[in-house]
Amino acid sequence: MGKLFDLDNPVFRTIGKLVDLIWLNIIFIIFSLPVVTIGASVTAMMSVTMKMARDREGYMWQGFWKSFKQNFKQSTIIWIIMILVATVLGTDIYFFYTSKAGYAKILLALMLGISIICLCTAAYVFPLQAQFDNTIKQTLKNALLMAIRHLPWTILLMVVLGVCAVLIWLFLAVAIFFGFGLTAFLCSYIFNHIFIRYIPEEIRNDY
């Protein structure tokens, strides 16, 4: 009977993580409201959930706020770059899709291919920013290389993100309560599996 009410009981630990994800989700939404801060908010959220996935979480709010402040500048610049790239690609795709020119379909396929590569790269950017100390250029480069090098995991990652995005779109209440936090938490297992390979052996025990 004593083990049933033990705080280390798997049931209590699962409930604890779920409560943390709900609070994390609310904090993420609040900090993302200015829109320009979304990059820093995603970075901070991934910093927290990657630790949660490794059972190394500390105080959730302190962890979020610390990462938000530390990565605000670079994450914001990266977020702006991503918006600009998405705008250009979106405009090109719309133009070639509506164009009647003979070459339009070829260029449309090219733009769609580039968009898929950019989307896969973007999925890695903020987790990398949360985990590693690099320049913006190096972070973007590493995100692209990892997305290609770990293609099977990248495909799995995109499936998870796609399914979660559909559920969030269909059930708004899911997004409000824990949709974004839960999505980040599920993806964190994939990122932890990949990132551990790039961490020096002498500090892996502290990862």
Protein backbone atom coordinates (compact mmCIF):
# COMPACT_ATOMS: atom_id res chain seq x y z
CA MET A 1 0.00 0.00 0.00
CA GLY A 2 2.91 2.31 0.77
CA LYS A 3 4.26 2.02 -2.76
CA LEU A 4 0.88 3.00 -4.15
CA PHE A 5 1.22 6.49 -2.70
CA ASP A 6 4.97 6.75 -3.29
CA LEU A 7 5.72 9.94 -5.24
CA ASP A 8 8.24 7.93 -7.32
CA ASN A 9 5.44 5.63 -8.41
CA PRO A 10 5.20 5.64 -12.25
CA VAL A 11 1.58 6.75 -12.06
CA PHE A 12 2.40 9.79 -9.91
CA ARG A 13 5.42 10.62 -12.09
CA THR A 14 3.25 10.48 -15.22
CA ILE A 15 0.63 12.71 -13.62
CA GLY A 16 3.38 15.09 -12.52
CA LYS A 17 4.78 15.33 -16.06
CA LEU A 18 1.31 15.92 -17.47
CA VAL A 19 0.69 18.76 -15.02
CA ASP A 20 4.08 20.26 -15.90
CA LEU A 21 3.25 20.02 -19.61
CA ILE A 22 -0.04 21.84 -19.05
CA TRP A 23 1.71 24.69 -17.23
CA LEU A 24 4.51 24.71 -19.81
CA ASN A 25 1.95 24.91 -22.59
CA ILE A 26 0.26 27.90 -20.97
CA ILE A 27 3.58 29.69 -20.43
CA PHE A 28 4.61 28.97 -24.02
CA ILE A 29 1.38 30.45 -25.39
CA ILE A 30 1.69 33.57 -23.23
CA PHE A 31 5.30 34.18 -24.23
CA SER A 32 4.45 33.57 -27.90
CA LEU A 33 1.64 36.15 -28.06
CA PRO A 34 3.91 38.99 -29.27
CA VAL A 35 4.62 36.67 -32.29
CA VAL A 36 8.19 37.94 -32.67
CA THR A 37 9.08 36.01 -29.50
CA ILE A 38 7.87 32.65 -30.83
CA GLY A 39 11.41 31.54 -31.69
CA ALA A 40 12.68 32.17 -28.17
CA SER A 41 9.56 30.54 -26.70
CA VAL A 42 9.99 27.38 -28.76
CA THR A 43 13.66 27.22 -27.78
CA ALA A 44 12.82 27.58 -24.09
CA MET A 45 10.04 24.99 -24.32
CA MET A 46 12.34 22.49 -26.06
CA SER A 47 15.01 23.08 -23.44
CA VAL A 48 12.51 22.09 -20.74
CA THR A 49 10.94 19.11 -22.54
CA MET A 50 14.27 17.58 -23.59
CA LYS A 51 15.24 17.53 -19.90
CA MET A 52 11.85 16.10 -18.99
CA ALA A 53 12.31 13.32 -21.55
CA ARG A 54 15.63 12.46 -19.88
CA ASP A 55 14.04 12.61 -16.40
CA ARG A 56 16.33 15.50 -15.53
CA GLU A 57 13.73 18.21 -15.18
CA GLY A 58 14.13 20.77 -12.45
CA TYR A 59 11.86 23.71 -11.71
CA MET A 60 9.91 24.13 -14.93
CA TRP A 61 9.38 27.90 -14.81
CA GLN A 62 13.00 28.65 -13.89
CA GLY A 63 14.24 26.39 -16.67
CA PHE A 64 11.96 28.03 -19.23
CA TRP A 65 12.82 31.58 -18.20
CA LYS A 66 16.56 30.90 -18.11
CA SER A 67 16.58 29.44 -21.62
CA PHE A 68 14.28 32.19 -22.91
CA LYS A 69 16.65 34.91 -21.73
CA GLN A 70 19.83 33.16 -22.84
CA ASN A 71 18.61 32.36 -26.33
CA PHE A 72 16.33 35.33 -26.98
CA LYS A 73 18.56 37.23 -29.41
CA GLN A 74 19.67 34.33 -31.60
CA SER A 75 16.30 32.57 -31.52
CA THR A 76 14.51 35.77 -32.51
CA ILE A 77 16.87 36.40 -35.43
CA ILE A 78 16.46 32.78 -36.57
CA TRP A 79 12.67 33.10 -36.29
CA ILE A 80 12.69 36.25 -38.46
CA ILE A 81 14.88 34.50 -41.04
CA MET A 82 12.47 31.56 -41.08
CA ILE A 83 9.48 33.89 -41.60
CA LEU A 84 11.23 35.64 -44.49
CA VAL A 85 12.19 32.32 -46.13
CA ALA A 86 8.66 30.98 -45.67
CA THR A 87 7.21 34.15 -47.19
CA VAL A 88 9.45 33.94 -50.25
CA LEU A 89 8.80 30.24 -50.77
CA GLY A 90 5.06 30.66 -50.21
CA THR A 91 4.91 33.50 -52.74
CA ASP A 92 6.89 31.51 -55.32
CA ILE A 93 4.73 28.41 -54.84
CA TYR A 94 1.55 30.43 -55.28
CA PHE A 95 2.91 32.18 -58.37
CA PHE A 96 4.05 28.99 -60.11
CA TYR A 97 0.86 27.15 -59.09
CA THR A 98 -1.34 29.79 -60.71
CA SER A 99 0.95 30.40 -63.69
CA LYS A 100 0.01 29.04 -67.11
CA ALA A 101 3.61 29.05 -68.36
CA GLY A 102 5.02 25.73 -69.54
CA TYR A 103 7.95 25.86 -67.14
CA ALA A 104 5.76 26.68 -64.12
CA LYS A 105 5.09 23.08 -63.08
CA ILE A 106 8.79 22.26 -63.06
CA LEU A 107 9.62 25.28 -60.94
CA LEU A 108 6.64 24.50 -58.69
CA ALA A 109 8.02 21.01 -58.04
CA LEU A 110 11.43 22.56 -57.35
CA MET A 111 9.98 25.05 -54.88
CA LEU A 112 8.00 22.32 -53.13
CA GLY A 113 11.16 20.24 -52.80
CA ILE A 114 13.07 23.17 -51.34
CA SER A 115 10.17 23.85 -48.97
CA ILE A 116 10.24 20.27 -47.67
CA ILE A 117 13.98 20.54 -47.02
CA CYS A 118 13.50 23.87 -45.24
CA LEU A 119 10.64 22.45 -43.17
CA CYS A 120 12.74 19.48 -42.05
CA THR A 121 15.64 21.80 -41.26
CA ALA A 122 13.37 24.14 -39.28
CA ALA A 123 12.25 21.24 -37.08
CA TYR A 124 15.82 20.87 -35.79
CA VAL A 125 16.75 24.54 -35.44
CA PHE A 126 15.27 25.51 -32.07
CA PRO A 127 16.11 22.23 -30.30
CA LEU A 128 19.70 22.71 -31.47
CA GLN A 129 19.63 26.30 -30.25
CA ALA A 130 18.39 25.05 -26.88
CA GLN A 131 21.03 22.35 -26.54
CA PHE A 132 24.22 23.64 -28.19
CA ASP A 133 26.11 26.93 -28.10
CA ASN A 134 26.73 27.89 -31.74
CA THR A 135 26.46 30.85 -34.06
CA ILE A 136 23.25 31.35 -36.03
CA LYS A 137 24.97 30.25 -39.23
CA GLN A 138 26.35 27.10 -37.61
CA THR A 139 23.01 26.26 -36.01
CA LEU A 140 21.21 26.50 -39.36
CA LYS A 141 23.94 24.48 -41.05
CA ASN A 142 23.88 21.78 -38.38
CA ALA A 143 20.08 21.60 -38.58
CA LEU A 144 20.25 20.93 -42.31
CA LEU A 145 23.01 18.35 -41.99
CA MET A 146 21.26 16.50 -39.15
CA ALA A 147 17.96 16.47 -41.00
CA ILE A 148 19.69 14.76 -43.93
CA ARG A 149 22.06 12.52 -42.00
CA HIS A 150 19.32 11.18 -39.72
CA LEU A 151 16.69 10.96 -42.44
CA PRO A 152 14.68 8.04 -40.94
CA TRP A 153 14.39 9.92 -37.64
CA THR A 154 13.57 13.12 -39.54
CA ILE A 155 10.72 11.35 -41.31
CA LEU A 156 9.43 10.05 -37.97
CA LEU A 157 9.77 13.54 -36.52
CA MET A 158 7.73 15.05 -39.37
CA VAL A 159 5.04 12.38 -38.92
CA VAL A 160 4.79 13.17 -35.19
CA LEU A 161 4.65 16.91 -35.89
CA GLY A 162 2.10 16.40 -38.65
CA VAL A 163 -0.23 14.26 -36.54
CA CYS A 164 0.02 16.65 -33.58
CA ALA A 165 -0.61 19.64 -35.85
CA VAL A 166 -3.78 18.05 -37.23
CA LEU A 167 -5.04 17.22 -33.73
CA ILE A 168 -4.31 20.74 -32.51
CA TRP A 169 -6.10 22.16 -35.55
CA LEU A 170 -9.15 19.95 -35.03
CA PHE A 171 -9.33 20.26 -31.27
CA LEU A 172 -8.48 23.78 -30.14
CA ALA A 173 -8.88 22.82 -26.48
CA VAL A 174 -5.97 20.39 -26.92
CA ALA A 175 -3.75 23.25 -28.03
CA ILE A 176 -4.82 25.49 -25.16
CA PHE A 177 -4.22 22.93 -22.42
CA PHE A 178 -1.23 20.84 -23.48
CA GLY A 179 -1.03 20.48 -27.28
CA PHE A 180 2.20 22.39 -27.88
CA GLY A 181 3.93 21.14 -24.75
CA LEU A 182 2.98 17.52 -25.44
CA THR A 183 4.16 17.81 -29.05
CA ALA A 184 7.51 19.19 -27.90
CA PHE A 185 7.78 16.45 -25.27
CA LEU A 186 7.17 13.65 -27.79
CA CYS A 187 9.67 15.14 -30.23
CA SER A 188 12.21 15.53 -27.44
CA TYR A 189 12.74 11.77 -27.32
CA ILE A 190 13.82 11.88 -30.96
CA PHE A 191 16.09 14.88 -30.46
CA ASN A 192 17.71 13.37 -27.35
CA HIS A 193 18.39 10.15 -29.27
CA ILE A 194 20.11 12.12 -32.03
CA PHE A 195 21.90 14.80 -30.00
CA ILE A 196 23.57 12.35 -27.62
CA ARG A 197 25.84 11.32 -30.51
CA TYR A 198 27.23 14.86 -30.74
CA ILE A 199 27.96 15.32 -27.06
CA PRO A 200 31.51 14.52 -25.87
CA GLU A 201 31.69 11.26 -23.94
CA GLU A 202 33.20 12.92 -20.88
CA ILE A 203 30.05 14.98 -20.28
CA ARG A 204 27.39 12.56 -21.48
CA ASN A 205 26.60 11.49 -17.94
CA ASP A 206 25.55 15.07 -17.23
CA TYR A 207 23.35 15.24 -20.32
